[in-house]
Amino acid sequence: MIGVDIDADYVARAQTLIANQNAGDHVTVLNESVYDYVGGPFDAVYFSGSFMLMPDPEKALSHVAGMLKKDGTATW
């Protein structure tokens, strides 16, 4: 699982929690803008409440939709 967030404090906290649960082999959190992130292909993309705070949510959704597998899904 990969998480992307632009807030460095949020990412640092998430990384601490991941380490405390010994989940580092399964979860990666990156301090990066979703608009700049390149990865995939993914089975699914999930946006939390932060989707409503993004300056251009349609652009973000379009960007990550391009990283989905052919039968992948996007959820927000």
N, C-alpha and C. Protein backbone atom coordinates (compact mmCIF):
# COMPACT_ATOMS: atom_id res chain seq x y z
N MET A 1 0.85 -1.16 0.00
CA MET A 1 0.00 0.00 0.00
C MET A 1 0.90 1.23 0.00
N ILE A 2 0.51 2.21 -0.77
CA ILE A 2 1.25 3.46 -0.84
C ILE A 2 0.32 4.61 -0.50
N GLY A 3 0.77 5.49 0.38
CA GLY A 3 0.04 6.70 0.72
C GLY A 3 0.85 7.90 0.30
N VAL A 4 0.17 8.92 -0.16
CA VAL A 4 0.82 10.16 -0.59
C VAL A 4 0.12 11.31 0.10
N ASP A 5 0.90 12.20 0.71
CA ASP A 5 0.32 13.38 1.35
C ASP A 5 1.32 14.52 1.28
N ILE A 6 0.81 15.71 1.09
CA ILE A 6 1.67 16.89 0.98
C ILE A 6 2.07 17.46 2.34
N ASP A 7 1.40 17.05 3.40
CA ASP A 7 1.67 17.56 4.75
C ASP A 7 2.77 16.73 5.41
N ALA A 8 3.94 17.33 5.59
CA ALA A 8 5.09 16.62 6.15
C ALA A 8 4.83 16.09 7.56
N ASP A 9 4.09 16.83 8.38
CA ASP A 9 3.79 16.38 9.74
C ASP A 9 2.90 15.14 9.71
N TYR A 10 1.93 15.13 8.83
CA TYR A 10 1.03 13.97 8.68
C TYR A 10 1.83 12.75 8.25
N VAL A 11 2.72 12.93 7.29
CA VAL A 11 3.54 11.83 6.79
C VAL A 11 4.46 11.31 7.90
N ALA A 12 5.08 12.19 8.65
CA ALA A 12 5.96 11.78 9.74
C ALA A 12 5.19 10.96 10.78
N ARG A 13 4.01 11.41 11.12
CA ARG A 13 3.18 10.68 12.09
C ARG A 13 2.78 9.31 11.54
N ALA A 14 2.40 9.27 10.30
CA ALA A 14 2.03 7.99 9.68
C ALA A 14 3.22 7.04 9.65
N GLN A 15 4.40 7.55 9.33
CA GLN A 15 5.59 6.71 9.29
C GLN A 15 5.93 6.16 10.68
N THR A 16 5.73 6.95 11.70
CA THR A 16 5.95 6.49 13.07
C THR A 16 4.98 5.36 13.41
N LEU A 17 3.72 5.55 13.09
CA LEU A 17 2.72 4.52 13.37
C LEU A 17 3.01 3.23 12.59
N ILE A 18 3.43 3.37 11.36
CA ILE A 18 3.77 2.21 10.54
C ILE A 18 4.94 1.45 11.16
N ALA A 19 5.96 2.18 11.58
CA ALA A 19 7.12 1.56 12.21
C ALA A 19 6.74 0.87 13.52
N ASN A 20 5.89 1.52 14.32
CA ASN A 20 5.46 0.94 15.59
C ASN A 20 4.69 -0.36 15.42
N GLN A 21 4.04 -0.51 14.28
CA GLN A 21 3.27 -1.72 13.99
C GLN A 21 4.05 -2.72 13.14
N ASN A 22 5.32 -2.41 12.90
CA ASN A 22 6.16 -3.28 12.06
C ASN A 22 5.50 -3.55 10.71
N ALA A 23 4.90 -2.53 10.15
CA ALA A 23 4.17 -2.67 8.88
C ALA A 23 4.94 -2.09 7.69
N GLY A 24 6.20 -1.75 7.90
CA GLY A 24 6.98 -1.12 6.86
C GLY A 24 7.14 -1.94 5.60
N ASP A 25 7.01 -3.26 5.69
CA ASP A 25 7.08 -4.10 4.50
C ASP A 25 5.80 -4.05 3.68
N HIS A 26 4.75 -3.45 4.26
CA HIS A 26 3.45 -3.46 3.61
C HIS A 26 2.90 -2.07 3.28
N VAL A 27 3.41 -1.06 3.96
CA VAL A 27 2.87 0.30 3.81
C VAL A 27 4.01 1.29 3.62
N THR A 28 3.85 2.16 2.64
CA THR A 28 4.80 3.24 2.39
C THR A 28 4.02 4.54 2.32
N VAL A 29 4.50 5.57 3.01
CA VAL A 29 3.87 6.88 2.96
C VAL A 29 4.90 7.87 2.44
N LEU A 30 4.51 8.62 1.42
CA LEU A 30 5.42 9.57 0.78
C LEU A 30 4.94 11.00 0.99
N ASN A 31 5.89 11.89 1.22
CA ASN A 31 5.59 13.31 1.35
C ASN A 31 5.71 13.93 -0.04
N GLU A 32 4.58 13.98 -0.72
CA GLU A 32 4.58 14.43 -2.11
C GLU A 32 3.18 14.90 -2.48
N SER A 33 3.11 15.78 -3.43
CA SER A 33 1.83 16.23 -3.95
C SER A 33 1.23 15.15 -4.83
N VAL A 34 -0.05 14.91 -4.69
CA VAL A 34 -0.72 13.92 -5.54
C VAL A 34 -0.64 14.33 -7.00
N TYR A 35 -0.54 15.62 -7.26
CA TYR A 35 -0.45 16.10 -8.64
C TYR A 35 0.89 15.75 -9.28
N ASP A 36 1.92 15.54 -8.47
CA ASP A 36 3.25 15.23 -8.97
C ASP A 36 3.60 13.75 -8.90
N TYR A 37 2.86 13.01 -8.08
CA TYR A 37 3.17 11.60 -7.85
C TYR A 37 2.98 10.79 -9.14
N VAL A 38 3.92 9.88 -9.38
CA VAL A 38 3.82 8.96 -10.51
C VAL A 38 4.07 7.56 -9.96
N GLY A 39 3.15 6.67 -10.21
CA GLY A 39 3.31 5.30 -9.73
C GLY A 39 2.27 4.40 -10.37
N GLY A 40 2.19 3.21 -9.85
CA GLY A 40 1.20 2.27 -10.34
C GLY A 40 1.84 1.19 -11.19
N PRO A 41 1.01 0.37 -11.78
CA PRO A 41 -0.44 0.47 -11.78
C PRO A 41 -1.03 -0.03 -10.46
N PHE A 42 -2.16 0.56 -10.09
CA PHE A 42 -2.83 0.26 -8.84
C PHE A 42 -4.19 -0.38 -9.08
N ASP A 43 -4.59 -1.21 -8.11
CA ASP A 43 -5.93 -1.81 -8.14
C ASP A 43 -6.99 -0.77 -7.77
N ALA A 44 -6.62 0.12 -6.87
CA ALA A 44 -7.58 1.11 -6.38
C ALA A 44 -6.85 2.37 -5.94
N VAL A 45 -7.59 3.47 -5.97
CA VAL A 45 -7.12 4.75 -5.48
C VAL A 45 -8.19 5.26 -4.54
N TYR A 46 -7.78 5.73 -3.37
CA TYR A 46 -8.72 6.23 -2.37
C TYR A 46 -8.32 7.62 -1.95
N PHE A 47 -9.29 8.51 -1.93
CA PHE A 47 -9.08 9.85 -1.39
C PHE A 47 -9.89 9.98 -0.10
N SER A 48 -9.27 10.55 0.91
CA SER A 48 -9.99 10.82 2.16
C SER A 48 -10.66 12.18 2.05
N GLY A 49 -11.00 12.76 3.16
CA GLY A 49 -11.63 14.08 3.18
C GLY A 49 -10.76 15.17 2.56
N SER A 50 -9.47 14.90 2.43
CA SER A 50 -8.57 15.88 1.84
C SER A 50 -8.93 16.20 0.39
N PHE A 51 -9.65 15.31 -0.24
CA PHE A 51 -10.07 15.53 -1.63
C PHE A 51 -10.82 16.85 -1.77
N MET A 52 -11.63 17.19 -0.79
CA MET A 52 -12.42 18.41 -0.85
C MET A 52 -11.57 19.66 -0.62
N LEU A 53 -10.36 19.50 -0.10
CA LEU A 53 -9.47 20.62 0.17
C LEU A 53 -8.49 20.89 -0.97
N MET A 54 -8.44 19.99 -1.92
CA MET A 54 -7.49 20.14 -3.02
C MET A 54 -7.87 21.31 -3.91
N PRO A 55 -6.88 22.03 -4.42
CA PRO A 55 -7.19 23.18 -5.26
C PRO A 55 -7.86 22.80 -6.58
N ASP A 56 -7.59 21.60 -7.08
CA ASP A 56 -8.18 21.15 -8.34
C ASP A 56 -8.48 19.66 -8.24
N PRO A 57 -9.56 19.29 -7.53
CA PRO A 57 -9.85 17.88 -7.31
C PRO A 57 -10.06 17.09 -8.61
N GLU A 58 -10.64 17.72 -9.62
CA GLU A 58 -10.84 17.02 -10.89
C GLU A 58 -9.50 16.65 -11.52
N LYS A 59 -8.53 17.55 -11.44
CA LYS A 59 -7.19 17.28 -11.98
C LYS A 59 -6.54 16.13 -11.21
N ALA A 60 -6.69 16.14 -9.88
CA ALA A 60 -6.11 15.08 -9.06
C ALA A 60 -6.73 13.73 -9.43
N LEU A 61 -8.03 13.68 -9.56
CA LEU A 61 -8.71 12.44 -9.90
C LEU A 61 -8.30 11.95 -11.28
N SER A 62 -8.24 12.85 -12.22
CA SER A 62 -7.82 12.49 -13.57
C SER A 62 -6.39 11.96 -13.57
N HIS A 63 -5.52 12.61 -12.80
CA HIS A 63 -4.12 12.21 -12.73
C HIS A 63 -3.98 10.79 -12.20
N VAL A 64 -4.60 10.50 -11.08
CA VAL A 64 -4.45 9.17 -10.48
C VAL A 64 -5.23 8.10 -11.24
N ALA A 65 -6.29 8.48 -11.92
CA ALA A 65 -7.04 7.50 -12.71
C ALA A 65 -6.15 6.89 -13.78
N GLY A 66 -5.19 7.66 -14.25
CA GLY A 66 -4.25 7.16 -15.24
C GLY A 66 -3.27 6.14 -14.67
N MET A 67 -3.23 5.99 -13.36
CA MET A 67 -2.34 5.03 -12.71
C MET A 67 -3.05 3.74 -12.34
N LEU A 68 -4.35 3.66 -12.63
CA LEU A 68 -5.12 2.47 -12.29
C LEU A 68 -4.92 1.36 -13.30
N LYS A 69 -4.98 0.13 -12.81
CA LYS A 69 -5.02 -1.01 -13.72
C LYS A 69 -6.29 -0.90 -14.55
N LYS A 70 -6.35 -1.63 -15.61
CA LYS A 70 -7.51 -1.55 -16.52
C LYS A 70 -8.84 -1.72 -15.80
N ASP A 71 -8.89 -2.60 -14.81
CA ASP A 71 -10.13 -2.84 -14.08
C ASP A 71 -10.10 -2.22 -12.68
N GLY A 72 -9.22 -1.23 -12.46
CA GLY A 72 -9.10 -0.58 -11.16
C GLY A 72 -10.26 0.36 -10.87
N THR A 73 -10.32 0.83 -9.62
CA THR A 73 -11.39 1.73 -9.21
C THR A 73 -10.84 2.92 -8.43
N ALA A 74 -11.57 4.00 -8.46
CA ALA A 74 -11.22 5.19 -7.69
C ALA A 74 -12.37 5.47 -6.73
N THR A 75 -12.02 5.82 -5.50
CA THR A 75 -13.03 6.09 -4.48
C THR A 75 -12.67 7.38 -3.76
N TRP A 76 -13.66 8.20 -3.48
CA TRP A 76 -13.44 9.41 -2.68
C TRP A 76 -14.62 9.67 -1.83
